C-alpha atoms as a PDB file:
ATOM      1  CA  UNK A   1     -29.650 -17.875 -91.347  1.00  0.00           C
ATOM      2  CA  UNK A   2     -28.955 -17.428 -95.083  1.00  0.00           C
ATOM      3  CA  UNK A   3     -30.364 -19.994 -97.492  1.00  0.00           C
ATOM      4  CA  UNK A   4     -29.025 -20.691-100.985  1.00  0.00           C
ATOM      5  CA  UNK A   5     -31.076 -22.916-103.274  1.00  0.00           C
ATOM      6  CA  UNK A   6     -30.414 -24.488-106.662  1.00  0.00           C
ATOM      7  CA  UNK A   7     -32.538 -26.727-108.919  1.00  0.00           C
ATOM      8  CA  UNK A   8     -30.764 -28.690-111.634  1.00  0.00           C
ATOM      9  CA  UNK A   9     -31.354 -31.592-114.034  1.00  0.00           C
ATOM     10  CA  UNK A  10     -29.236 -34.360-115.476  1.00  0.00           C
ATOM     11  CA  UNK A  11     -29.060 -37.955-116.645  1.00  0.00           C
ATOM     12  CA  UNK A  12     -28.722 -39.361-113.108  1.00  0.00           C
ATOM     13  CA  UNK A  13     -29.336 -38.200-109.552  1.00  0.00           C
ATOM     14  CA  UNK A  14     -25.665 -38.510-108.647  1.00  0.00           C
ATOM     15  CA  UNK A  15     -24.684 -36.435-111.655  1.00  0.00           C
ATOM     16  CA  UNK A  16     -27.139 -33.696-110.677  1.00  0.00           C
ATOM     17  CA  UNK A  17     -25.936 -33.720-107.052  1.00  0.00           C
ATOM     18  CA  UNK A  18     -22.377 -33.207-108.218  1.00  0.00           C
ATOM     19  CA  UNK A  19     -23.498 -30.341-110.451  1.00  0.00           C
ATOM     20  CA  UNK A  20     -25.354 -28.701-107.515  1.00  0.00           C
ATOM     21  CA  UNK A  21     -22.258 -29.007-105.301  1.00  0.00           C
ATOM     22  CA  UNK A  22     -20.242 -27.190-107.944  1.00  0.00           C
ATOM     23  CA  UNK A  23     -22.881 -24.461-108.368  1.00  0.00           C
ATOM     24  CA  UNK A  24     -23.154 -23.851-104.623  1.00  0.00           C
ATOM     25  CA  UNK A  25     -19.413 -24.421-104.085  1.00  0.00           C
ATOM     26  CA  UNK A  26     -20.140 -26.599-101.056  1.00  0.00           C
ATOM     27  CA  UNK A  27     -19.539 -30.240-100.129  1.00  0.00           C
ATOM     28  CA  UNK A  28     -22.300 -32.821-100.550  1.00  0.00           C
ATOM     29  CA  UNK A  29     -22.495 -33.399 -96.770  1.00  0.00           C
ATOM     30  CA  UNK A  30     -23.455 -29.748 -96.194  1.00  0.00           C
ATOM     31  CA  UNK A  31     -26.285 -29.656 -98.740  1.00  0.00           C
ATOM     32  CA  UNK A  32     -29.873 -30.885 -98.285  1.00  0.00           C
ATOM     33  CA  UNK A  33     -31.105 -32.613-101.431  1.00  0.00           C
ATOM     34  CA  UNK A  34     -34.671 -33.172-102.540  1.00  0.00           C
ATOM     35  CA  UNK A  35     -35.340 -35.362-105.583  1.00  0.00           C
ATOM     36  CA  UNK A  36     -38.132 -33.660-107.507  1.00  0.00           C
ATOM     37  CA  UNK A  37     -38.180 -36.062-110.459  1.00  0.00           C
ATOM     38  CA  UNK A  38     -36.532 -39.447-110.893  1.00  0.00           C
ATOM     39  CA  UNK A  39     -34.927 -40.201-114.283  1.00  0.00           C
ATOM     40  CA  UNK A  40     -36.570 -42.641-116.673  1.00  0.00           C
ATOM     41  CA  UNK A  41     -35.174 -44.228-119.815  1.00  0.00           C
ATOM     42  CA  UNK A  42     -36.511 -43.529-123.284  1.00  0.00           C
ATOM     43  CA  UNK A  43     -38.834 -46.150-124.742  1.00  0.00           C
ATOM     44  CA  UNK A  44     -36.870 -48.136-127.364  1.00  0.00           C
ATOM     45  CA  UNK A  45     -34.161 -45.534-126.819  1.00  0.00           C
ATOM     46  CA  UNK A  46     -36.202 -43.008-128.805  1.00  0.00           C
ATOM     47  CA  UNK A  47     -39.506 -41.987-127.172  1.00  0.00           C
ATOM     48  CA  UNK A  48     -40.174 -40.227-123.896  1.00  0.00           C
ATOM     49  CA  UNK A  49     -37.796 -40.474-121.001  1.00  0.00           C
ATOM     50  CA  UNK A  50     -37.140 -37.904-118.296  1.00  0.00           C
ATOM     51  CA  UNK A  51     -34.089 -36.329-116.759  1.00  0.00           C
ATOM     52  CA  UNK A  52     -33.438 -36.402-113.012  1.00  0.00           C
ATOM     53  CA  UNK A  53     -34.473 -33.178-111.345  1.00  0.00           C
ATOM     54  CA  UNK A  54     -33.022 -32.315-107.908  1.00  0.00           C
ATOM     55  CA  UNK A  55     -33.217 -29.347-105.579  1.00  0.00           C
ATOM     56  CA  UNK A  56     -30.210 -28.545-103.381  1.00  0.00           C
ATOM     57  CA  UNK A  57     -30.440 -26.294-100.338  1.00  0.00           C
ATOM     58  CA  UNK A  58     -27.469 -24.926 -98.404  1.00  0.00           C
ATOM     59  CA  UNK A  59     -28.236 -23.279 -95.073  1.00  0.00           C
ATOM     60  CA  UNK A  60     -25.574 -20.826 -93.946  1.00  0.00           C
ATOM     61  CA  UNK A  61     -25.624 -20.677 -90.141  1.00  0.00           C
ATOM     62  CA  UNK A  62     -24.106 -18.116 -87.834  1.00  0.00           C
ATOM     63  CA  UNK A  63     -22.164 -19.610 -84.917  1.00  0.00           C
ATOM     64  CA  UNK A  64     -25.071 -18.890 -82.579  1.00  0.00           C
ATOM     65  CA  UNK A  65     -27.668 -20.479 -84.862  1.00  0.00           C
ATOM     66  CA  UNK A  66     -25.552 -23.608 -85.389  1.00  0.00           C
ATOM     67  CA  UNK A  67     -24.831 -23.858 -81.652  1.00  0.00           C
ATOM     68  CA  UNK A  68     -28.526 -23.480 -80.768  1.00  0.00           C
ATOM     69  CA  UNK A  69     -29.526 -26.168 -83.248  1.00  0.00           C
ATOM     70  CA  UNK A  70     -26.961 -28.541 -81.738  1.00  0.00           C
ATOM     71  CA  UNK A  71     -28.092 -27.748 -78.173  1.00  0.00           C
ATOM     72  CA  UNK A  72     -31.738 -28.400 -79.021  1.00  0.00           C
ATOM     73  CA  UNK A  73     -30.815 -31.811 -80.428  1.00  0.00           C
ATOM     74  CA  UNK A  74     -28.770 -32.679 -77.313  1.00  0.00           C
ATOM     75  CA  UNK A  75     -31.449 -31.474 -74.896  1.00  0.00           C
ATOM     76  CA  UNK A  76     -34.108 -33.437 -76.748  1.00  0.00           C
ATOM     77  CA  UNK A  77     -31.923 -36.554 -76.486  1.00  0.00           C
ATOM     78  CA  UNK A  78     -31.681 -35.845 -72.726  1.00  0.00           C
ATOM     79  CA  UNK A  79     -35.483 -35.727 -72.503  1.00  0.00           C
ATOM     80  CA  UNK A  80     -35.436 -31.936 -71.998  1.00  0.00           C
ATOM     81  CA  UNK A  81     -37.215 -30.894 -75.207  1.00  0.00           C
ATOM     82  CA  UNK A  82     -39.423 -28.466 -73.224  1.00  0.00           C
ATOM     83  CA  UNK A  83     -36.473 -26.118 -72.668  1.00  0.00           C
ATOM     84  CA  UNK A  84     -36.038 -23.002 -74.801  1.00  0.00           C
ATOM     85  CA  UNK A  85     -32.663 -22.187 -76.397  1.00  0.00           C
ATOM     86  CA  UNK A  86     -32.050 -18.772 -77.926  1.00  0.00           C
ATOM     87  CA  UNK A  87     -29.231 -16.411 -78.914  1.00  0.00           C
ATOM     88  CA  UNK A  88     -29.145 -13.392 -76.572  1.00  0.00           C
ATOM     89  CA  UNK A  89     -26.462 -11.488 -78.475  1.00  0.00           C
ATOM     90  CA  UNK A  90     -23.932 -12.278 -81.191  1.00  0.00           C
ATOM     91  CA  UNK A  91     -20.996 -10.650 -82.925  1.00  0.00           C
ATOM     92  CA  UNK A  92     -18.286 -12.150 -85.115  1.00  0.00           C
ATOM     93  CA  UNK A  93     -16.159 -12.832 -82.020  1.00  0.00           C
ATOM     94  CA  UNK A  94     -18.624 -13.484 -79.181  1.00  0.00           C
ATOM     95  CA  UNK A  95     -22.011 -15.148 -78.815  1.00  0.00           C
ATOM     96  CA  UNK A  96     -24.189 -15.484 -75.727  1.00  0.00           C
ATOM     97  CA  UNK A  97     -26.833 -18.200 -75.607  1.00  0.00           C
ATOM     98  CA  UNK A  98     -29.481 -18.748 -72.941  1.00  0.00           C
ATOM     99  CA  UNK A  99     -31.340 -21.909 -71.927  1.00  0.00           C
ATOM    100  CA  UNK A 100     -34.624 -21.434 -70.040  1.00  0.00           C
ATOM    101  CA  UNK A 101     -37.552 -23.518 -68.843  1.00  0.00           C
ATOM    102  CA  UNK A 102     -38.903 -25.457 -65.868  1.00  0.00           C
ATOM    103  CA  UNK A 103     -36.390 -28.318 -66.102  1.00  0.00           C
ATOM    104  CA  UNK A 104     -33.377 -26.036 -66.529  1.00  0.00           C
ATOM    105  CA  UNK A 105     -31.650 -27.346 -63.377  1.00  0.00           C
ATOM    106  CA  UNK A 106     -30.903 -30.618 -65.192  1.00  0.00           C
ATOM    107  CA  UNK A 107     -28.448 -28.683 -67.374  1.00  0.00           C
ATOM    108  CA  UNK A 108     -26.298 -27.527 -64.432  1.00  0.00           C
ATOM    109  CA  UNK A 109     -24.488 -30.578 -63.096  1.00  0.00           C
ATOM    110  CA  UNK A 110     -22.192 -30.461 -60.061  1.00  0.00           C
ATOM    111  CA  UNK A 111     -20.669 -26.994 -59.904  1.00  0.00           C
ATOM    112  CA  UNK A 112     -21.809 -26.378 -63.487  1.00  0.00           C
ATOM    113  CA  UNK A 113     -19.921 -29.289 -65.036  1.00  0.00           C
ATOM    114  CA  UNK A 114     -22.753 -30.262 -67.412  1.00  0.00           C
ATOM    115  CA  UNK A 115     -23.269 -26.633 -68.422  1.00  0.00           C
ATOM    116  CA  UNK A 116     -19.554 -26.191 -69.097  1.00  0.00           C
ATOM    117  CA  UNK A 117     -19.527 -29.337 -71.263  1.00  0.00           C
ATOM    118  CA  UNK A 118     -22.543 -28.113 -73.240  1.00  0.00           C
ATOM    119  CA  UNK A 119     -20.853 -24.745 -73.695  1.00  0.00           C
ATOM    120  CA  UNK A 120     -17.616 -26.320 -74.952  1.00  0.00           C
ATOM    121  CA  UNK A 121     -19.374 -28.638 -77.401  1.00  0.00           C
ATOM    122  CA  UNK A 122     -21.778 -25.980 -78.710  1.00  0.00           C
ATOM    123  CA  UNK A 123     -18.829 -23.646 -79.290  1.00  0.00           C
ATOM    124  CA  UNK A 124     -16.988 -26.392 -81.172  1.00  0.00           C
ATOM    125  CA  UNK A 125     -19.985 -27.378 -83.310  1.00  0.00           C
ATOM    126  CA  UNK A 126     -21.069 -23.769 -83.886  1.00  0.00           C
ATOM    127  CA  UNK A 127     -17.691 -22.655 -85.183  1.00  0.00           C
ATOM    128  CA  UNK A 128     -17.268 -25.744 -87.333  1.00  0.00           C
ATOM    129  CA  UNK A 129     -20.714 -25.577 -88.935  1.00  0.00           C
ATOM    130  CA  UNK A 130     -20.861 -21.810 -89.487  1.00  0.00           C
ATOM    131  CA  UNK A 131     -17.679 -21.687 -91.581  1.00  0.00           C
ATOM    132  CA  UNK A 132     -17.325 -18.003 -90.739  1.00  0.00           C
ATOM    133  CA  UNK A 133     -13.572 -18.100 -91.273  1.00  0.00           C
ATOM    134  CA  UNK A 134     -12.743 -16.972 -87.746  1.00  0.00           C
ATOM    135  CA  UNK A 135     -13.351 -18.026 -84.161  1.00  0.00           C
ATOM    136  CA  UNK A 136     -16.357 -16.995 -82.115  1.00  0.00           C
ATOM    137  CA  UNK A 137     -16.372 -17.574 -78.355  1.00  0.00           C
ATOM    138  CA  UNK A 138     -19.654 -18.984 -77.036  1.00  0.00           C
ATOM    139  CA  UNK A 139     -20.929 -18.242 -73.518  1.00  0.00           C
ATOM    140  CA  UNK A 140     -23.780 -20.475 -72.414  1.00  0.00           C
ATOM    141  CA  UNK A 141     -26.049 -19.389 -69.560  1.00  0.00           C
ATOM    142  CA  UNK A 142     -28.811 -21.535 -68.129  1.00  0.00           C
ATOM    143  CA  UNK A 143     -31.432 -20.306 -65.683  1.00  0.00           C
ATOM    144  CA  UNK A 144     -29.091 -17.558 -64.452  1.00  0.00           C
ATOM    145  CA  UNK A 145     -26.828 -20.263 -63.016  1.00  0.00           C
ATOM    146  CA  UNK A 146     -23.527 -18.559 -63.796  1.00  0.00           C
ATOM    147  CA  UNK A 147     -24.538 -15.295 -62.151  1.00  0.00           C
ATOM    148  CA  UNK A 148     -25.790 -17.151 -59.061  1.00  0.00           C
ATOM    149  CA  UNK A 149     -22.563 -19.172 -58.954  1.00  0.00           C
ATOM    150  CA  UNK A 150     -20.541 -15.957 -59.221  1.00  0.00           C
ATOM    151  CA  UNK A 151     -22.476 -14.473 -56.300  1.00  0.00           C
ATOM    152  CA  UNK A 152     -21.929 -17.640 -54.244  1.00  0.00           C
ATOM    153  CA  UNK A 153     -18.175 -17.709 -54.917  1.00  0.00           C
ATOM    154  CA  UNK A 154     -17.815 -13.986 -54.155  1.00  0.00           C
ATOM    155  CA  UNK A 155     -19.564 -14.521 -50.838  1.00  0.00           C
ATOM    156  CA  UNK A 156     -17.345 -17.548 -50.131  1.00  0.00           C
ATOM    157  CA  UNK A 157     -14.244 -15.444 -50.826  1.00  0.00           C
ATOM    158  CA  UNK A 158     -15.393 -12.757 -48.382  1.00  0.00           C
ATOM    159  CA  UNK A 159     -16.223 -15.240 -45.641  1.00  0.00           C
ATOM    160  CA  UNK A 160     -12.913 -17.066 -46.114  1.00  0.00           C
ATOM    161  CA  UNK A 161     -10.987 -13.788 -46.036  1.00  0.00           C
ATOM    162  CA  UNK A 162     -12.559 -12.819 -42.717  1.00  0.00           C
ATOM    163  CA  UNK A 163     -11.777 -16.295 -41.365  1.00  0.00           C
ATOM    164  CA  UNK A 164      -8.126 -16.045 -42.479  1.00  0.00           C
ATOM    165  CA  UNK A 165      -7.785 -12.650 -40.777  1.00  0.00           C
ATOM    166  CA  UNK A 166      -9.422 -13.950 -37.596  1.00  0.00           C
ATOM    167  CA  UNK A 167      -7.192 -17.063 -37.480  1.00  0.00           C
ATOM    168  CA  UNK A 168      -4.190 -15.080 -38.773  1.00  0.00           C
ATOM    169  CA  UNK A 169      -3.263 -17.959 -41.056  1.00  0.00           C
ATOM    170  CA  UNK A 170      -3.778 -19.108 -44.674  1.00  0.00           C
ATOM    171  CA  UNK A 171      -7.043 -20.894 -45.510  1.00  0.00           C
ATOM    172  CA  UNK A 172      -7.335 -23.295 -48.452  1.00  0.00           C
ATOM    173  CA  UNK A 173     -10.452 -23.595 -50.593  1.00  0.00           C
ATOM    174  CA  UNK A 174     -11.552 -26.718 -52.468  1.00  0.00           C
ATOM    175  CA  UNK A 175     -10.186 -27.338 -55.985  1.00  0.00           C
ATOM    176  CA  UNK A 176     -11.881 -25.180 -58.620  1.00  0.00           C
ATOM    177  CA  UNK A 177     -11.786 -24.608 -62.321  1.00  0.00           C
ATOM    178  CA  UNK A 178      -9.940 -21.657 -63.792  1.00  0.00           C
ATOM    179  CA  UNK A 179     -12.875 -19.267 -64.247  1.00  0.00           C
ATOM    180  CA  UNK A 180     -14.085 -19.953 -60.676  1.00  0.00           C
ATOM    181  CA  UNK A 181     -10.632 -19.198 -59.280  1.00  0.00           C
ATOM    182  CA  UNK A 182     -10.675 -15.885 -61.193  1.00  0.00           C
ATOM    183  CA  UNK A 183     -13.931 -14.975 -59.460  1.00  0.00           C
ATOM    184  CA  UNK A 184     -12.337 -15.692 -56.061  1.00  0.00           C
ATOM    185  CA  UNK A 185      -9.255 -13.588 -56.911  1.00  0.00           C
ATOM    186  CA  UNK A 186     -11.436 -10.713 -58.131  1.00  0.00           C
ATOM    187  CA  UNK A 187     -13.448 -10.724 -54.911  1.00  0.00           C
ATOM    188  CA  UNK A 188     -10.283 -10.853 -52.737  1.00  0.00           C
ATOM    189  CA  UNK A 189      -8.827  -7.858 -54.628  1.00  0.00           C
ATOM    190  CA  UNK A 190     -11.675  -5.804 -53.156  1.00  0.00           C
ATOM    191  CA  UNK A 191     -10.817  -6.739 -49.542  1.00  0.00           C
ATOM    192  CA  UNK A 192      -8.015  -4.949 -47.745  1.00  0.00           C
ATOM    193  CA  UNK A 193      -5.457  -6.927 -45.750  1.00  0.00           C
ATOM    194  CA  UNK A 194      -5.655 -10.237 -47.586  1.00  0.00           C
ATOM    195  CA  UNK A 195      -4.126 -11.861 -50.649  1.00  0.00           C
ATOM    196  CA  UNK A 196      -4.868 -14.971 -52.694  1.00  0.00           C
ATOM    197  CA  UNK A 197      -2.842 -17.331 -54.840  1.00  0.00           C
ATOM    198  CA  UNK A 198      -3.119 -20.765 -56.431  1.00  0.00           C
ATOM    199  CA  UNK A 199      -1.501 -24.025 -55.400  1.00  0.00           C
ATOM    200  CA  UNK A 200      -1.829 -27.622 -56.624  1.00  0.00           C
ATOM    201  CA  UNK A 201      -1.603 -29.228 -60.050  1.00  0.00           C
ATOM    202  CA  UNK A 202      -4.068 -29.828 -62.882  1.00  0.00           C
ATOM    203  CA  UNK A 203      -7.676 -30.358 -61.826  1.00  0.00           C
ATOM    204  CA  UNK A 204      -6.601 -30.216 -58.166  1.00  0.00           C
ATOM    205  CA  UNK A 205      -5.533 -26.545 -58.305  1.00  0.00           C
ATOM    206  CA  UNK A 206      -7.053 -24.561 -55.452  1.00  0.00           C
ATOM    207  CA  UNK A 207      -7.001 -21.013 -54.070  1.00  0.00           C
ATOM    208  CA  UNK A 208      -5.273 -20.043 -50.838  1.00  0.00           C
ATOM    209  CA  UNK A 209      -6.410 -16.938 -49.007  1.00  0.00           C
ATOM    210  CA  UNK A 210      -4.155 -15.443 -46.328  1.00  0.00           C
ATOM    211  CA  UNK A 211      -3.597 -12.221 -44.352  1.00  0.00           C
ATOM    212  CA  UNK A 212      -0.923  -9.949 -45.845  1.00  0.00           C
ATOM    213  CA  UNK A 213       1.184 -10.132 -42.677  1.00  0.00           C
ATOM    214  CA  UNK A 214       1.811 -13.874 -43.190  1.00  0.00           C
ATOM    215  CA  UNK A 215       5.258 -14.621 -44.710  1.00  0.00           C
END
């Protein structure tokens, strides 16, 4: 994280804040202000008096840093402040973040729905707050859930393929999200004699696995 800091003085606090915004070339909402000295009027308009003195700090986050800060706030609000959030790797186009700790299962949800929501929101907040001028994709892992889910779906694909061959008929799986269907298709591509495709609409789209000899 890069930090830019400016200290300035003026007749009023608002005037100084405006001056700091111009010096840092950032909006007031993105700057942290600390009033170091409050202004005071001159006695009889002649003696004494002090100008307002304010420090402005702008913190320039990377997408990963901004996303992690957001996730920590959300997890604390969920009562999961014992969990650790850290950036595993980050480039200008891709960032991987990991959540770890004893209560990590509370971040999964049914079939990873909570984790996917946290990933979407952290990506949105991270890109918005970082102001990096481009778009960085965020991948959020929690307690190795995604890898375990991938292993489970690959095994399901294999078992379903063998069942389809044995029954010599198509077998439908339950509705899945796009990235889960891709895992199924990838696993089926490694098995000879079977094919897979998608049917259904919207959130009810599901994968069908069938022997190649079925018309």
